[in-house]
C-alpha atoms as a PDB file:
ATOM      1  CA  MET A   1     -76.734 -22.283  14.392  1.00  0.00           C
ATOM      2  CA  GLU A   2     -80.169 -22.953  15.915  1.00  0.00           C
ATOM      3  CA  ALA A   3     -80.807 -25.585  13.219  1.00  0.00           C
ATOM      4  CA  ALA A   4     -78.208 -27.725  14.975  1.00  0.00           C
ATOM      5  CA  MET A   5     -80.877 -28.833  17.428  1.00  0.00           C
ATOM      6  CA  GLU A   6     -83.060 -30.370  14.707  1.00  0.00           C
ATOM      7  CA  ILE A   7     -82.248 -34.060  15.064  1.00  0.00           C
ATOM      8  CA  PRO A   8     -83.811 -36.329  12.419  1.00  0.00           C
ATOM      9  CA  VAL A   9     -85.739 -39.326  13.724  1.00  0.00           C
ATOM     10  CA  ASP A  10     -85.674 -41.272  10.459  1.00  0.00           C
ATOM     11  CA  ASP A  11     -83.013 -42.486   8.041  1.00  0.00           C
ATOM     12  CA  ASP A  12     -81.994 -38.981   7.004  1.00  0.00           C
ATOM     13  CA  ILE A  13     -78.329 -38.321   7.762  1.00  0.00           C
ATOM     14  CA  VAL A  14     -77.068 -34.856   8.662  1.00  0.00           C
ATOM     15  CA  LEU A  15     -73.353 -34.168   8.861  1.00  0.00           C
ATOM     16  CA  TYR A  16     -71.943 -31.061  10.498  1.00  0.00           C
ATOM     17  CA  THR A  17     -68.709 -30.588   8.629  1.00  0.00           C
ATOM     18  CA  TYR A  18     -65.951 -28.191   7.650  1.00  0.00           C
ATOM     19  CA  TRP A  19     -64.339 -28.453   4.254  1.00  0.00           C
ATOM     20  CA  ARG A  20     -60.758 -28.641   5.529  1.00  0.00           C
ATOM     21  CA  SER A  21     -61.361 -30.748   8.642  1.00  0.00           C
ATOM     22  CA  SER A  22     -59.511 -34.065   8.378  1.00  0.00           C
ATOM     23  CA  ALA A  23     -61.959 -35.732  10.735  1.00  0.00           C
ATOM     24  CA  ALA A  24     -64.987 -34.589   8.731  1.00  0.00           C
ATOM     25  CA  TYR A  25     -63.156 -35.600   5.538  1.00  0.00           C
ATOM     26  CA  ARG A  26     -62.913 -39.168   6.911  1.00  0.00           C
ATOM     27  CA  VAL A  27     -66.637 -39.351   7.531  1.00  0.00           C
ATOM     28  CA  ARG A  28     -67.450 -37.964   4.094  1.00  0.00           C
ATOM     29  CA  ILE A  29     -65.351 -40.740   2.530  1.00  0.00           C
ATOM     30  CA  GLY A  30     -67.005 -43.394   4.677  1.00  0.00           C
ATOM     31  CA  LEU A  31     -70.497 -42.194   3.782  1.00  0.00           C
ATOM     32  CA  ALA A  32     -69.580 -42.170   0.098  1.00  0.00           C
ATOM     33  CA  LEU A  33     -68.064 -45.664   0.176  1.00  0.00           C
ATOM     34  CA  LYS A  34     -71.275 -46.933   1.715  1.00  0.00           C
ATOM     35  CA  GLY A  35     -73.394 -45.053  -0.796  1.00  0.00           C
ATOM     36  CA  LEU A  36     -75.188 -43.056   1.897  1.00  0.00           C
ATOM     37  CA  ALA A  37     -76.681 -39.682   1.035  1.00  0.00           C
ATOM     38  CA  PHE A  38     -76.419 -36.949   3.641  1.00  0.00           C
ATOM     39  CA  GLU A  39     -77.185 -33.293   4.217  1.00  0.00           C
ATOM     40  CA  ALA A  40     -74.026 -31.279   4.815  1.00  0.00           C
ATOM     41  CA  ARG A  41     -74.298 -28.436   7.320  1.00  0.00           C
ATOM     42  CA  PRO A  42     -71.044 -26.459   7.314  1.00  0.00           C
ATOM     43  CA  VAL A  43     -69.517 -25.206  10.549  1.00  0.00           C
ATOM     44  CA  HIS A  44     -66.803 -22.668   9.801  1.00  0.00           C
ATOM     45  CA  LEU A  45     -63.946 -23.303  12.233  1.00  0.00           C
ATOM     46  CA  VAL A  46     -62.296 -19.884  11.804  1.00  0.00           C
ATOM     47  CA  ARG A  47     -64.912 -17.274  10.897  1.00  0.00           C
ATOM     48  CA  GLU A  48     -66.340 -15.205  13.765  1.00  0.00           C
ATOM     49  CA  GLY A  49     -63.967 -16.823  16.209  1.00  0.00           C
ATOM     50  CA  GLY A  50     -65.062 -20.270  15.090  1.00  0.00           C
ATOM     51  CA  GLU A  51     -68.709 -21.223  14.653  1.00  0.00           C
ATOM     52  CA  GLN A  52     -68.040 -24.436  16.574  1.00  0.00           C
ATOM     53  CA  HIS A  53     -67.899 -22.286  19.714  1.00  0.00           C
ATOM     54  CA  HIS A  54     -71.349 -20.751  19.188  1.00  0.00           C
ATOM     55  CA  ASP A  55     -74.022 -21.720  21.696  1.00  0.00           C
ATOM     56  CA  GLY A  56     -76.190 -23.704  19.280  1.00  0.00           C
ATOM     57  CA  TYR A  57     -73.408 -25.965  18.102  1.00  0.00           C
ATOM     58  CA  ARG A  58     -71.782 -26.249  21.531  1.00  0.00           C
ATOM     59  CA  GLY A  59     -75.104 -27.547  22.821  1.00  0.00           C
ATOM     60  CA  LEU A  60     -74.996 -30.241  20.170  1.00  0.00           C
ATOM     61  CA  ASN A  61     -71.327 -31.145  20.558  1.00  0.00           C
ATOM     62  CA  PRO A  62     -69.797 -30.042  23.888  1.00  0.00           C
ATOM     63  CA  GLN A  63     -66.278 -30.689  22.532  1.00  0.00           C
ATOM     64  CA  GLN A  64     -66.904 -27.952  19.956  1.00  0.00           C
ATOM     65  CA  LEU A  65     -65.367 -30.037  17.184  1.00  0.00           C
ATOM     66  CA  VAL A  66     -66.458 -31.387  13.840  1.00  0.00           C
ATOM     67  CA  PRO A  67     -67.788 -33.701  12.644  1.00  0.00           C
ATOM     68  CA  THR A  68     -71.121 -34.295  14.316  1.00  0.00           C
ATOM     69  CA  LEU A  69     -73.512 -36.711  12.645  1.00  0.00           C
ATOM     70  CA  LEU A  70     -77.244 -36.834  13.266  1.00  0.00           C
ATOM     71  CA  HIS A  71     -79.200 -39.964  12.410  1.00  0.00           C
ATOM     72  CA  ASP A  72     -82.389 -41.590  13.633  1.00  0.00           C
ATOM     73  CA  GLY A  73     -82.625 -39.405  16.718  1.00  0.00           C
ATOM     74  CA  HIS A  74     -78.970 -39.888  17.679  1.00  0.00           C
ATOM     75  CA  VAL A  75     -76.204 -37.286  17.998  1.00  0.00           C
ATOM     76  CA  LEU A  76     -72.864 -38.884  17.152  1.00  0.00           C
ATOM     77  CA  THR A  77     -69.421 -37.346  17.608  1.00  0.00           C
ATOM     78  CA  GLN A  78     -65.795 -38.401  17.026  1.00  0.00           C
ATOM     79  CA  SER A  79     -65.036 -39.518  13.476  1.00  0.00           C
ATOM     80  CA  LEU A  80     -63.935 -43.071  14.298  1.00  0.00           C
ATOM     81  CA  ALA A  81     -66.980 -43.657  16.477  1.00  0.00           C
ATOM     82  CA  ILE A  82     -69.195 -42.302  13.693  1.00  0.00           C
ATOM     83  CA  LEU A  83     -67.564 -44.599  11.142  1.00  0.00           C
ATOM     84  CA  GLU A  84     -67.983 -47.605  13.437  1.00  0.00           C
ATOM     85  CA  TYR A  85     -71.647 -46.658  13.866  1.00  0.00           C
ATOM     86  CA  LEU A  86     -72.116 -46.494  10.104  1.00  0.00           C
ATOM     87  CA  GLU A  87     -70.365 -49.848   9.799  1.00  0.00           C
ATOM     88  CA  GLU A  88     -72.827 -51.461  12.189  1.00  0.00           C
ATOM     89  CA  ARG A  89     -75.960 -49.751  10.910  1.00  0.00           C
ATOM     90  CA  PHE A  90     -75.123 -50.086   7.213  1.00  0.00           C
ATOM     91  CA  PRO A  91     -72.968 -53.236   6.892  1.00  0.00           C
ATOM     92  CA  GLN A  92     -73.646 -53.915   3.214  1.00  0.00           C
ATOM     93  CA  VAL A  93     -70.392 -52.252   2.095  1.00  0.00           C
ATOM     94  CA  PRO A  94     -67.941 -53.141   4.885  1.00  0.00           C
ATOM     95  CA  LEU A  95     -65.146 -50.872   6.007  1.00  0.00           C
ATOM     96  CA  LEU A  96     -63.598 -53.570   8.211  1.00  0.00           C
ATOM     97  CA  PRO A  97     -62.426 -57.116   7.406  1.00  0.00           C
ATOM     98  CA  ALA A  98     -64.510 -60.133   8.386  1.00  0.00           C
ATOM     99  CA  ASP A  99     -61.876 -61.667  10.685  1.00  0.00           C
ATOM    100  CA  ALA A 100     -60.953 -60.415  14.169  1.00  0.00           C
ATOM    101  CA  ALA A 101     -57.216 -60.154  13.456  1.00  0.00           C
ATOM    102  CA  GLY A 102     -57.871 -58.219  10.263  1.00  0.00           C
ATOM    103  CA  ARG A 103     -60.209 -55.829  12.043  1.00  0.00           C
ATOM    104  CA  ALA A 104     -57.610 -55.238  14.757  1.00  0.00           C
ATOM    105  CA  ARG A 105     -54.934 -54.540  12.140  1.00  0.00           C
ATOM    106  CA  VAL A 106     -57.102 -52.066  10.250  1.00  0.00           C
ATOM    107  CA  ARG A 107     -58.152 -50.311  13.439  1.00  0.00           C
ATOM    108  CA  ALA A 108     -54.505 -50.003  14.508  1.00  0.00           C
ATOM    109  CA  LEU A 109     -53.569 -48.397  11.194  1.00  0.00           C
ATOM    110  CA  ALA A 110     -56.574 -46.074  11.366  1.00  0.00           C
ATOM    111  CA  GLN A 111     -55.816 -45.070  14.945  1.00  0.00           C
ATOM    112  CA  LEU A 112     -52.154 -44.465  14.121  1.00  0.00           C
ATOM    113  CA  VAL A 113     -53.389 -41.599  11.963  1.00  0.00           C
ATOM    114  CA  ALA A 114     -56.519 -40.483  13.767  1.00  0.00           C
ATOM    115  CA  CYS A 115     -55.206 -40.761  17.330  1.00  0.00           C
ATOM    116  CA  ASP A 116     -51.454 -40.226  17.060  1.00  0.00           C
ATOM    117  CA  ILE A 117     -50.735 -37.976  14.050  1.00  0.00           C
ATOM    118  CA  HIS A 118     -53.787 -35.833  13.543  1.00  0.00           C
ATOM    119  CA  PRO A 119     -54.710 -34.652  17.078  1.00  0.00           C
ATOM    120  CA  ILE A 120     -51.405 -32.901  17.743  1.00  0.00           C
ATOM    121  CA  ASN A 121     -51.521 -31.105  14.395  1.00  0.00           C
ATOM    122  CA  ASN A 122     -55.131 -30.001  14.232  1.00  0.00           C
ATOM    123  CA  LEU A 123     -56.459 -26.453  14.231  1.00  0.00           C
ATOM    124  CA  ARG A 124     -56.944 -25.920  17.944  1.00  0.00           C
ATOM    125  CA  VAL A 125     -53.425 -27.175  18.725  1.00  0.00           C
ATOM    126  CA  MET A 126     -51.917 -24.920  16.070  1.00  0.00           C
ATOM    127  CA  GLN A 127     -53.914 -21.967  17.397  1.00  0.00           C
ATOM    128  CA  TYR A 128     -52.606 -22.685  20.917  1.00  0.00           C
ATOM    129  CA  LEU A 129     -49.020 -22.847  19.667  1.00  0.00           C
ATOM    130  CA  GLU A 130     -49.522 -19.512  17.926  1.00  0.00           C
ATOM    131  CA  ARG A 131     -51.621 -17.528  20.378  1.00  0.00           C
ATOM    132  CA  ASP A 132     -50.565 -18.882  23.766  1.00  0.00           C
ATOM    133  CA  LEU A 133     -47.021 -20.118  23.225  1.00  0.00           C
ATOM    134  CA  GLN A 134     -46.333 -17.506  20.528  1.00  0.00           C
ATOM    135  CA  LEU A 135     -44.383 -19.878  18.330  1.00  0.00           C
ATOM    136  CA  PRO A 136     -43.468 -18.370  14.949  1.00  0.00           C
ATOM    137  CA  ALA A 137     -44.909 -19.800  11.742  1.00  0.00           C
ATOM    138  CA  ASP A 138     -41.778 -21.726  10.782  1.00  0.00           C
ATOM    139  CA  ALA A 139     -41.656 -23.461  14.169  1.00  0.00           C
ATOM    140  CA  ARG A 140     -45.318 -24.427  13.893  1.00  0.00           C
ATOM    141  CA  THR A 141     -44.700 -25.852  10.438  1.00  0.00           C
ATOM    142  CA  GLN A 142     -41.733 -27.868  11.684  1.00  0.00           C
ATOM    143  CA  TRP A 143     -43.906 -29.217  14.503  1.00  0.00           C
ATOM    144  CA  THR A 144     -46.503 -30.369  11.992  1.00  0.00           C
ATOM    145  CA  LEU A 145     -43.984 -31.914   9.606  1.00  0.00           C
ATOM    146  CA  HIS A 146     -42.155 -33.731  12.396  1.00  0.00           C
ATOM    147  CA  TRP A 147     -45.197 -35.556  13.729  1.00  0.00           C
ATOM    148  CA  MET A 148     -46.529 -36.418  10.280  1.00  0.00           C
ATOM    149  CA  ALA A 149     -43.153 -37.808   9.209  1.00  0.00           C
ATOM    150  CA  GLU A 150     -42.803 -39.875  12.370  1.00  0.00           C
ATOM    151  CA  GLY A 151     -46.271 -41.360  11.997  1.00  0.00           C
ATOM    152  CA  PHE A 152     -45.952 -42.009   8.278  1.00  0.00           C
ATOM    153  CA  ALA A 153     -42.614 -43.773   8.813  1.00  0.00           C
ATOM    154  CA  ALA A 154     -44.220 -46.161  11.276  1.00  0.00           C
ATOM    155  CA  MET A 155     -47.201 -46.775   9.014  1.00  0.00           C
ATOM    156  CA  GLU A 156     -44.979 -47.401   5.988  1.00  0.00           C
ATOM    157  CA  THR A 157     -43.029 -49.997   7.979  1.00  0.00           C
ATOM    158  CA  MET A 158     -46.195 -51.708   9.202  1.00  0.00           C
ATOM    159  CA  LEU A 159     -47.632 -51.894   5.700  1.00  0.00           C
ATOM    160  CA  ALA A 160     -44.378 -53.172   4.206  1.00  0.00           C
ATOM    161  CA  ALA A 161     -44.109 -55.916   6.824  1.00  0.00           C
ATOM    162  CA  SER A 162     -47.571 -57.397   6.313  1.00  0.00           C
ATOM    163  CA  ALA A 163     -48.797 -59.785   3.623  1.00  0.00           C
ATOM    164  CA  ASP A 164     -52.275 -58.331   4.250  1.00  0.00           C
ATOM    165  CA  THR A 165     -51.294 -55.091   2.525  1.00  0.00           C
ATOM    166  CA  GLY A 166     -52.729 -55.088  -0.979  1.00  0.00           C
ATOM    167  CA  THR A 167     -53.898 -52.435  -3.373  1.00  0.00           C
ATOM    168  CA  PHE A 168     -55.144 -50.662  -0.259  1.00  0.00           C
ATOM    169  CA  CYS A 169     -54.028 -50.747   3.363  1.00  0.00           C
ATOM    170  CA  HIS A 170     -55.711 -54.109   3.865  1.00  0.00           C
ATOM    171  CA  GLY A 171     -56.341 -56.206   0.805  1.00  0.00           C
ATOM    172  CA  ASP A 172     -57.844 -54.968  -2.413  1.00  0.00           C
ATOM    173  CA  ARG A 173     -60.843 -53.082  -1.076  1.00  0.00           C
ATOM    174  CA  PRO A 174     -60.647 -49.671   0.619  1.00  0.00           C
ATOM    175  CA  GLY A 175     -61.573 -49.524   4.269  1.00  0.00           C
ATOM    176  CA  LEU A 176     -61.207 -47.695   7.543  1.00  0.00           C
ATOM    177  CA  ALA A 177     -57.417 -47.351   7.379  1.00  0.00           C
ATOM    178  CA  ASP A 178     -57.518 -45.802   3.901  1.00  0.00           C
ATOM    179  CA  ILE A 179     -60.313 -43.479   5.033  1.00  0.00           C
ATOM    180  CA  CYS A 180     -58.000 -42.119   7.744  1.00  0.00           C
ATOM    181  CA  LEU A 181     -54.851 -42.088   5.627  1.00  0.00           C
ATOM    182  CA  LEU A 182     -56.058 -40.011   2.678  1.00  0.00           C
ATOM    183  CA  PRO A 183     -57.028 -36.865   4.629  1.00  0.00           C
ATOM    184  CA  GLN A 184     -53.684 -36.948   6.409  1.00  0.00           C
ATOM    185  CA  LEU A 185     -51.850 -37.235   3.098  1.00  0.00           C
ATOM    186  CA  TYR A 186     -53.881 -34.245   1.904  1.00  0.00           C
ATOM    187  CA  ASN A 187     -52.467 -32.335   4.881  1.00  0.00           C
ATOM    188  CA  ALA A 188     -48.970 -33.576   4.072  1.00  0.00           C
ATOM    189  CA  HIS A 189     -49.223 -32.141   0.565  1.00  0.00           C
ATOM    190  CA  ARG A 190     -50.616 -28.920   1.956  1.00  0.00           C
ATOM    191  CA  PHE A 191     -47.686 -28.457   4.351  1.00  0.00           C
ATOM    192  CA  GLY A 192     -45.069 -29.589   1.844  1.00  0.00           C
ATOM    193  CA  LEU A 193     -43.928 -32.808   3.497  1.00  0.00           C
ATOM    194  CA  ASP A 194     -41.558 -34.859   1.322  1.00  0.00           C
ATOM    195  CA  LEU A 195     -43.437 -38.108   0.692  1.00  0.00           C
ATOM    196  CA  ALA A 196     -40.630 -39.826  -1.218  1.00  0.00           C
ATOM    197  CA  PRO A 197     -39.713 -42.013   1.810  1.00  0.00           C
ATOM    198  CA  TYR A 198     -43.206 -43.544   1.811  1.00  0.00           C
ATOM    199  CA  PRO A 199     -43.722 -45.384  -1.512  1.00  0.00           C
ATOM    200  CA  ILE A 200     -46.455 -47.675  -0.173  1.00  0.00           C
ATOM    201  CA  LEU A 201     -48.461 -44.766   1.202  1.00  0.00           C
ATOM    202  CA  ARG A 202     -48.124 -42.965  -2.124  1.00  0.00           C
ATOM    203  CA  ARG A 203     -49.211 -46.070  -4.033  1.00  0.00           C
ATOM    204  CA  ILE A 204     -52.284 -46.464  -1.829  1.00  0.00           C
ATOM    205  CA  GLU A 205     -53.061 -42.766  -2.246  1.00  0.00           C
ATOM    206  CA  THR A 206     -52.988 -43.183  -6.029  1.00  0.00           C
ATOM    207  CA  ALA A 207     -55.333 -46.182  -5.832  1.00  0.00           C
ATOM    208  CA  CYS A 208     -57.784 -44.290  -3.624  1.00  0.00           C
ATOM    209  CA  GLN A 209     -57.732 -41.280  -5.911  1.00  0.00           C
ATOM    210  CA  GLN A 210     -59.153 -43.437  -8.685  1.00  0.00           C
ATOM    211  CA  LEU A 211     -62.380 -43.887  -6.707  1.00  0.00           C
ATOM    212  CA  ASP A 212     -65.244 -41.388  -6.710  1.00  0.00           C
ATOM    213  CA  ALA A 213     -65.855 -41.887  -2.988  1.00  0.00           C
ATOM    214  CA  PHE A 214     -62.446 -40.389  -2.241  1.00  0.00           C
ATOM    215  CA  THR A 215     -62.313 -37.702  -4.907  1.00  0.00           C
ATOM    216  CA  GLY A 216     -65.829 -36.455  -4.173  1.00  0.00           C
ATOM    217  CA  ALA A 217     -64.992 -36.051  -0.489  1.00  0.00           C
ATOM    218  CA  ARG A 218     -61.942 -33.873  -1.127  1.00  0.00           C
ATOM    219  CA  PRO A 219     -61.984 -30.515   0.672  1.00  0.00           C
ATOM    220  CA  GLU A 220     -62.019 -28.340  -2.429  1.00  0.00           C
ATOM    221  CA  LYS A 221     -65.211 -30.059  -3.655  1.00  0.00           C
ATOM    222  CA  GLN A 222     -67.277 -29.201  -0.570  1.00  0.00           C
ATOM    223  CA  ILE A 223     -70.063 -26.630  -0.562  1.00  0.00           C
ATOM    224  CA  ASP A 224     -68.220 -24.490   1.999  1.00  0.00           C
ATOM    225  CA  ALA A 225     -64.800 -24.637   0.349  1.00  0.00           C
ATOM    226  CA  ALA A 226     -63.094 -21.264   0.634  1.00  0.00           C
END
């Protein structure tokens, strides 16, 4: 992991990623929507106790999480912060609406997923439930399904109630909310959550899946896919 300390000082973009990480998945979609090429450097979150805990990577990202993005001499962490950075540095293909109210709405939808659903279902939480609390597999699955269902129900209601919902979460162009939603729906399929109660989410998922930026970022298409 010593290469982690090589921080580019030009327009080259390096993304430390893991194929199944929802947070890294978001950033891959955002980069693709903006047409930005990047070098992927996989960090395996399970092998050898988790490569994110190795000294080289921990020195780069003290939280020991993915993604980490390197660009122009900067080390950037946290997927939403990275996406906001890309939005400001590369505004030609916007991920946020032009108006303040629209931006607030999209950020709220994005944070519903990235801050309220995903963090309590991610790998380190599941490992804690298993190793420290010794919860059996079925209990851990029920935990995951419960929090996804609760979050999706709220998001479905918010989308249904707003005239700003279009082909995508906000209007007819994909943006930050869709970027956060699709990886979480991928997890929902993986864990077998019944998505029938969420017709708007499923419709938006279908629309996103027609776009190369979303399909190319899917976990199974990554260079480190197991």
